[in-house]
Amino acid sequence: MSNSLVGGIDLAARILTGSTDLEHVLLTGGEVFGAPAFDHLNADHGIAYGDGGSALILGRDPGIARVLSTASYTDPTLEQLHRGHHRFLPAGTTEPGPERVRERKLQYLATVGTTSINTRNARGIRDTFDHALADAELTSDQLKWVLLPHYGQRLLETHCLQPLGIPGEHTLRDMGGQWGHIGPNDQVIGLTWLLAHGGVQAGDHLALVGIGIGMTWTTAIVRVEHVPGVQLIGERACQ
C-alpha cells in the first residue's frame, strides 16, 4: 500500500547487499484515485488523495544519493483499522461501490478507541526512525528534511510530527497539501521536488518515512551526494 516504495528501498537494499550478482533494482509506484470507486476529497478523514507516479533506481555504484540505513516495523494488530467490520473478500474479487474508508475507520475506533491506535502508531514510526538514525550514526537535528506521507495537517501532526518530535518546517507539509496523498509516491516525489528546486545540496541528510495500512512503517536515511541538472524533469514530475 502506501509504504510500497520506502519499504521497497529497505527490501532492495537488503537484496543488493546479499546478492553479489545483482547490480540494480528498479522501484516504481503509481496511483489513480477516482470515481466511481474512490472520492479524492471525501473518502477519508482529513486526507485529500492525488494521482501520480514515481520511480527510482538503486544500485551499487555512486549516484545522486547514498542510502545509509533502513529500518522497518510491522504491527498487524492494526490491520482492521482500514477494514472495519467488513469481511475479507475471496482472492481476486473486489467490493462493489465506492470505498468507505471513513466508515471502516469509525467502526474500528468505536471498538478500540483513539488512544490505542495512536499509541501503536507512535511506537511503530518511532521505532523505525530511531533505529535508522542510530545505524546511520546521526541524530534527528542533523536531518535537513524529513519526507513523510501527505496526510493533511491534522493527521500529519498527530501521526508523524508529534511522535517523531520534529517541526513541520523540516517537512514538505505545505507542498504535500497541494499534491495530496499519492499513495507510496509521496516521499520520492518530494525528493524529486527538492532536487529540482534547490532544496538540497551535497552532504545533506534526509529521512524518508513510509507508512502503509496493515500496518507497516519504514525509515530510510539518505545522504545527497550531488545535485544533477534535473530542473525540467522535476517540474514535469511534480506539477
Protein backbone atom coordinates (compact mmCIF):
# COMPACT_ATOMS: atom_id res chain seq x y z
CA MET A 1 0.00 0.00 0.00
CA SER A 2 1.38 3.47 0.81
CA ASN A 3 4.67 2.05 2.11
CA SER A 4 5.50 0.23 -1.12
CA LEU A 5 8.33 2.49 -2.27
CA VAL A 6 10.07 3.39 1.00
CA GLY A 7 9.56 -0.19 2.15
CA GLY A 8 10.86 -1.23 -1.27
CA ILE A 9 14.07 0.72 -0.62
CA ASP A 10 14.56 -1.33 2.55
CA LEU A 11 13.96 -4.63 0.73
CA ALA A 12 16.03 -3.65 -2.32
CA ALA A 13 18.98 -2.58 -0.16
CA ARG A 14 18.92 -5.93 1.62
CA ILE A 15 18.70 -7.81 -1.69
CA LEU A 16 21.62 -5.85 -3.19
CA THR A 17 23.69 -6.45 -0.05
CA GLY A 18 23.15 -10.19 -0.17
CA SER A 19 23.20 -10.77 -3.94
CA THR A 20 26.62 -10.02 -5.40
CA ASP A 21 25.44 -10.88 -8.93
CA LEU A 22 22.74 -8.18 -8.86
CA GLU A 23 23.73 -4.62 -9.78
CA HIS A 24 20.49 -2.60 -9.88
CA VAL A 25 16.89 -2.65 -8.67
CA LEU A 26 14.16 -0.52 -10.28
CA LEU A 27 11.31 0.55 -7.98
CA THR A 28 8.15 2.10 -9.42
CA GLY A 29 4.89 3.31 -7.93
CA GLY A 30 1.65 4.64 -9.38
CA GLU A 31 -1.76 5.59 -8.05
CA VAL A 32 -5.03 6.72 -9.62
CA PHE A 33 -7.80 7.50 -7.13
CA GLY A 34 -11.04 8.36 -8.80
CA ALA A 35 -14.74 7.86 -9.35
CA PRO A 36 -16.70 5.73 -9.07
CA ALA A 37 -14.58 3.67 -6.68
CA PHE A 38 -12.79 6.47 -4.82
CA ASP A 39 -13.58 10.07 -3.95
CA HIS A 40 -10.36 12.14 -3.90
CA LEU A 41 -11.57 14.57 -1.24
CA ASN A 42 -14.21 12.80 0.82
CA ALA A 43 -13.22 9.14 1.04
CA ASP A 44 -11.06 9.54 4.15
CA HIS A 45 -10.74 11.70 7.27
CA GLY A 46 -8.59 14.79 6.64
CA ILE A 47 -6.71 13.30 3.68
CA ALA A 48 -7.01 14.56 0.10
CA TYR A 49 -5.80 12.00 -2.42
CA GLY A 50 -3.84 12.76 -5.60
CA ASP A 51 -2.96 10.82 -8.75
CA GLY A 52 0.62 10.28 -9.89
CA GLY A 53 3.62 8.04 -10.05
CA SER A 54 7.36 7.90 -9.42
CA ALA A 55 10.37 5.65 -9.90
CA LEU A 56 13.93 5.29 -8.68
CA ILE A 57 16.90 3.02 -9.30
CA LEU A 58 19.04 1.59 -6.52
CA GLY A 59 22.46 0.24 -7.37
CA ARG A 60 25.96 -0.43 -6.13
CA ASP A 61 27.61 2.45 -8.00
CA PRO A 62 27.58 6.03 -6.62
CA GLY A 63 24.53 8.07 -7.61
CA ILE A 64 22.53 11.13 -6.66
CA ALA A 65 22.18 9.94 -3.07
CA ARG A 66 23.54 7.19 -0.86
CA VAL A 67 21.29 5.03 1.32
CA LEU A 68 22.96 5.00 4.74
CA SER A 69 20.45 2.87 6.66
CA THR A 70 16.94 1.47 6.63
CA ALA A 71 14.59 0.06 9.26
CA SER A 72 11.09 -1.38 9.13
CA TYR A 73 8.44 -2.27 11.68
CA THR A 74 5.08 -4.00 11.36
CA ASP A 75 2.05 -4.22 13.65
CA PRO A 76 -0.65 -6.47 12.17
CA THR A 77 -2.93 -5.77 15.15
CA LEU A 78 -3.84 -2.56 13.27
CA GLU A 79 -4.94 -4.39 10.13
CA GLN A 80 -8.62 -3.96 10.97
CA LEU A 81 -8.32 -0.15 11.09
CA HIS A 82 -8.92 0.06 7.34
CA ARG A 83 -11.29 -2.94 7.16
CA GLY A 84 -13.71 -2.12 9.96
CA HIS A 85 -16.50 -4.69 10.28
CA HIS A 86 -16.13 -5.79 6.66
CA ARG A 87 -15.12 -9.36 5.98
CA PHE A 88 -12.18 -10.45 3.88
CA LEU A 89 -13.21 -10.95 0.26
CA PRO A 90 -12.22 -14.03 -1.75
CA ALA A 91 -8.96 -13.64 -3.64
CA GLY A 92 -9.37 -11.89 -6.97
CA THR A 93 -12.64 -10.16 -6.15
CA THR A 94 -13.37 -6.51 -5.45
CA GLU A 95 -16.06 -4.86 -3.40
CA PRO A 96 -18.72 -3.05 -5.47
CA GLY A 97 -19.42 0.62 -4.90
CA PRO A 98 -17.19 3.42 -3.55
CA GLU A 99 -14.53 2.85 -0.92
CA ARG A 100 -15.80 3.71 2.57
CA VAL A 101 -12.57 4.47 4.37
CA ARG A 102 -14.25 6.84 6.83
CA GLU A 103 -16.87 4.27 7.77
CA ARG A 104 -14.31 1.50 8.28
CA LYS A 105 -12.09 3.67 10.50
CA LEU A 106 -15.04 4.81 12.62
CA GLN A 107 -16.09 1.20 13.16
CA TYR A 108 -12.62 0.29 14.42
CA LEU A 109 -12.33 3.45 16.51
CA ALA A 110 -15.60 2.62 18.23
CA THR A 111 -14.16 -0.79 19.13
CA VAL A 112 -10.67 0.07 20.42
CA GLY A 113 -10.56 3.86 20.91
CA THR A 114 -8.27 6.56 19.59
CA THR A 115 -5.65 6.22 22.33
CA SER A 116 -4.91 2.62 21.44
CA ILE A 117 -4.39 3.46 17.78
CA ASN A 118 -2.21 6.48 18.49
CA THR A 119 -0.06 4.51 20.93
CA ARG A 120 0.62 1.70 18.46
CA ASN A 121 1.26 4.14 15.60
CA ALA A 122 3.70 6.17 17.69
CA ARG A 123 5.58 3.01 18.66
CA GLY A 124 5.87 1.87 15.04
CA ILE A 125 7.03 5.12 13.46
CA ARG A 126 9.38 5.97 16.32
CA ASP A 127 10.97 2.50 16.27
CA THR A 128 11.99 2.72 12.62
CA PHE A 129 13.07 6.36 12.87
CA ASP A 130 15.28 5.79 15.91
CA HIS A 131 16.83 2.57 14.58
CA ALA A 132 17.62 4.06 11.16
CA LEU A 133 19.18 7.17 12.72
CA ALA A 134 21.27 5.07 15.11
CA ASP A 135 22.53 2.84 12.29
CA ALA A 136 23.45 5.95 10.26
CA GLU A 137 25.17 7.42 13.36
CA LEU A 138 23.05 10.58 13.12
CA THR A 139 20.62 12.49 15.31
CA SER A 140 17.33 13.99 14.15
CA ASP A 141 18.69 17.55 14.32
CA GLN A 142 21.26 16.61 11.66
CA LEU A 143 18.50 15.92 9.11
CA LYS A 144 17.87 18.62 6.53
CA TRP A 145 14.43 17.22 5.66
CA VAL A 146 12.07 14.50 6.81
CA LEU A 147 9.85 13.37 3.93
CA LEU A 148 6.53 11.98 5.17
CA PRO A 149 3.21 10.81 3.74
CA HIS A 150 0.99 13.72 2.70
CA TYR A 151 -1.71 13.16 5.28
CA GLY A 152 -3.10 16.66 5.70
CA GLN A 153 -2.39 19.00 8.61
CA ARG A 154 -4.19 17.20 11.46
CA LEU A 155 -3.17 13.61 10.75
CA LEU A 156 0.37 14.63 9.85
CA GLU A 157 0.69 16.35 13.21
CA THR A 158 -0.76 13.54 15.34
CA HIS A 159 0.60 10.51 13.44
CA CYS A 160 4.02 11.80 12.37
CA LEU A 161 5.30 15.12 13.73
CA GLN A 162 4.39 14.61 17.38
CA PRO A 163 5.66 11.00 17.68
CA LEU A 164 8.92 11.93 15.94
CA GLY A 165 9.34 15.22 17.78
CA ILE A 166 10.16 17.18 14.62
CA PRO A 167 8.84 20.57 13.44
CA GLY A 168 6.68 20.84 10.35
CA GLU A 169 9.21 23.25 8.81
CA HIS A 170 11.58 20.33 8.26
CA THR A 171 8.98 18.56 6.12
CA LEU A 172 7.15 19.29 2.87
CA ARG A 173 3.90 19.76 4.77
CA ASP A 174 2.69 22.71 2.69
CA MET A 175 3.64 21.22 -0.68
CA GLY A 176 2.04 17.94 0.34
CA GLY A 177 -1.19 19.82 0.94
CA GLN A 178 -1.13 20.87 -2.70
CA TRP A 179 -0.20 17.48 -4.15
CA GLY A 180 -2.37 15.30 -1.92
CA HIS A 181 -1.53 11.80 -0.74
CA ILE A 182 -0.31 9.91 -3.83
CA GLY A 183 -0.01 6.53 -2.16
CA PRO A 184 3.59 5.24 -1.99
CA ASN A 185 4.94 8.07 -4.16
CA ASP A 186 4.88 10.97 -1.67
CA GLN A 187 8.47 10.70 -0.46
CA VAL A 188 10.04 10.14 -3.89
CA ILE A 189 8.03 12.97 -5.42
CA GLY A 190 9.11 15.17 -2.51
CA LEU A 191 12.78 14.27 -3.04
CA THR A 192 12.46 14.99 -6.76
CA TRP A 193 10.93 18.39 -5.99
CA LEU A 194 13.77 19.25 -3.60
CA LEU A 195 16.40 18.26 -6.16
CA ALA A 196 14.66 20.25 -8.89
CA HIS A 197 14.16 23.41 -6.82
CA GLY A 198 17.47 23.72 -4.98
CA GLY A 199 16.10 22.46 -1.69
CA VAL A 200 19.09 20.22 -1.01
CA GLN A 201 22.82 20.27 -1.62
CA ALA A 202 25.60 17.72 -1.47
CA GLY A 203 26.14 16.47 2.06
CA ASP A 204 22.56 16.99 3.26
CA HIS A 205 20.92 14.12 5.15
CA LEU A 206 17.25 13.25 4.71
CA ALA A 207 14.86 10.72 6.21
CA LEU A 208 12.21 9.12 4.02
CA VAL A 209 9.43 7.76 6.24
CA GLY A 210 6.81 5.46 4.75
CA ILE A 211 3.58 4.25 6.37
CA GLY A 212 1.35 1.56 4.92
CA ILE A 213 -2.01 0.25 6.04
CA GLY A 214 -1.83 -3.15 7.58
CA MET A 215 0.27 -1.60 9.30
CA THR A 216 3.91 -1.10 8.33
CA TRP A 217 6.45 1.67 8.84
CA THR A 218 9.84 2.14 7.17
CA THR A 219 12.53 4.81 7.53
CA ALA A 220 15.37 5.21 5.04
CA ILE A 221 18.21 7.64 5.81
CA VAL A 222 19.94 9.02 2.71
CA ARG A 223 22.78 11.45 2.10
CA VAL A 224 22.73 13.64 -1.02
CA GLU A 225 25.94 13.06 -2.98
CA HIS A 226 25.37 15.55 -5.80
CA VAL A 227 22.51 17.54 -7.29
CA PRO A 228 22.08 16.94 -11.04
CA GLY A 229 20.56 19.36 -13.52
CA VAL A 230 17.04 17.92 -13.38
CA GLN A 231 15.02 21.10 -13.08
CA LEU A 232 12.83 20.50 -16.14
CA ILE A 233 12.29 16.83 -15.32
CA GLY A 234 11.42 17.74 -11.75
CA GLU A 235 8.94 20.40 -12.85
CA ARG A 236 7.08 17.96 -15.07
CA ALA A 237 7.12 15.26 -12.43
CA CYS A 238 5.73 17.45 -9.68
CA GLN A 239 3.21 19.73 -11.37
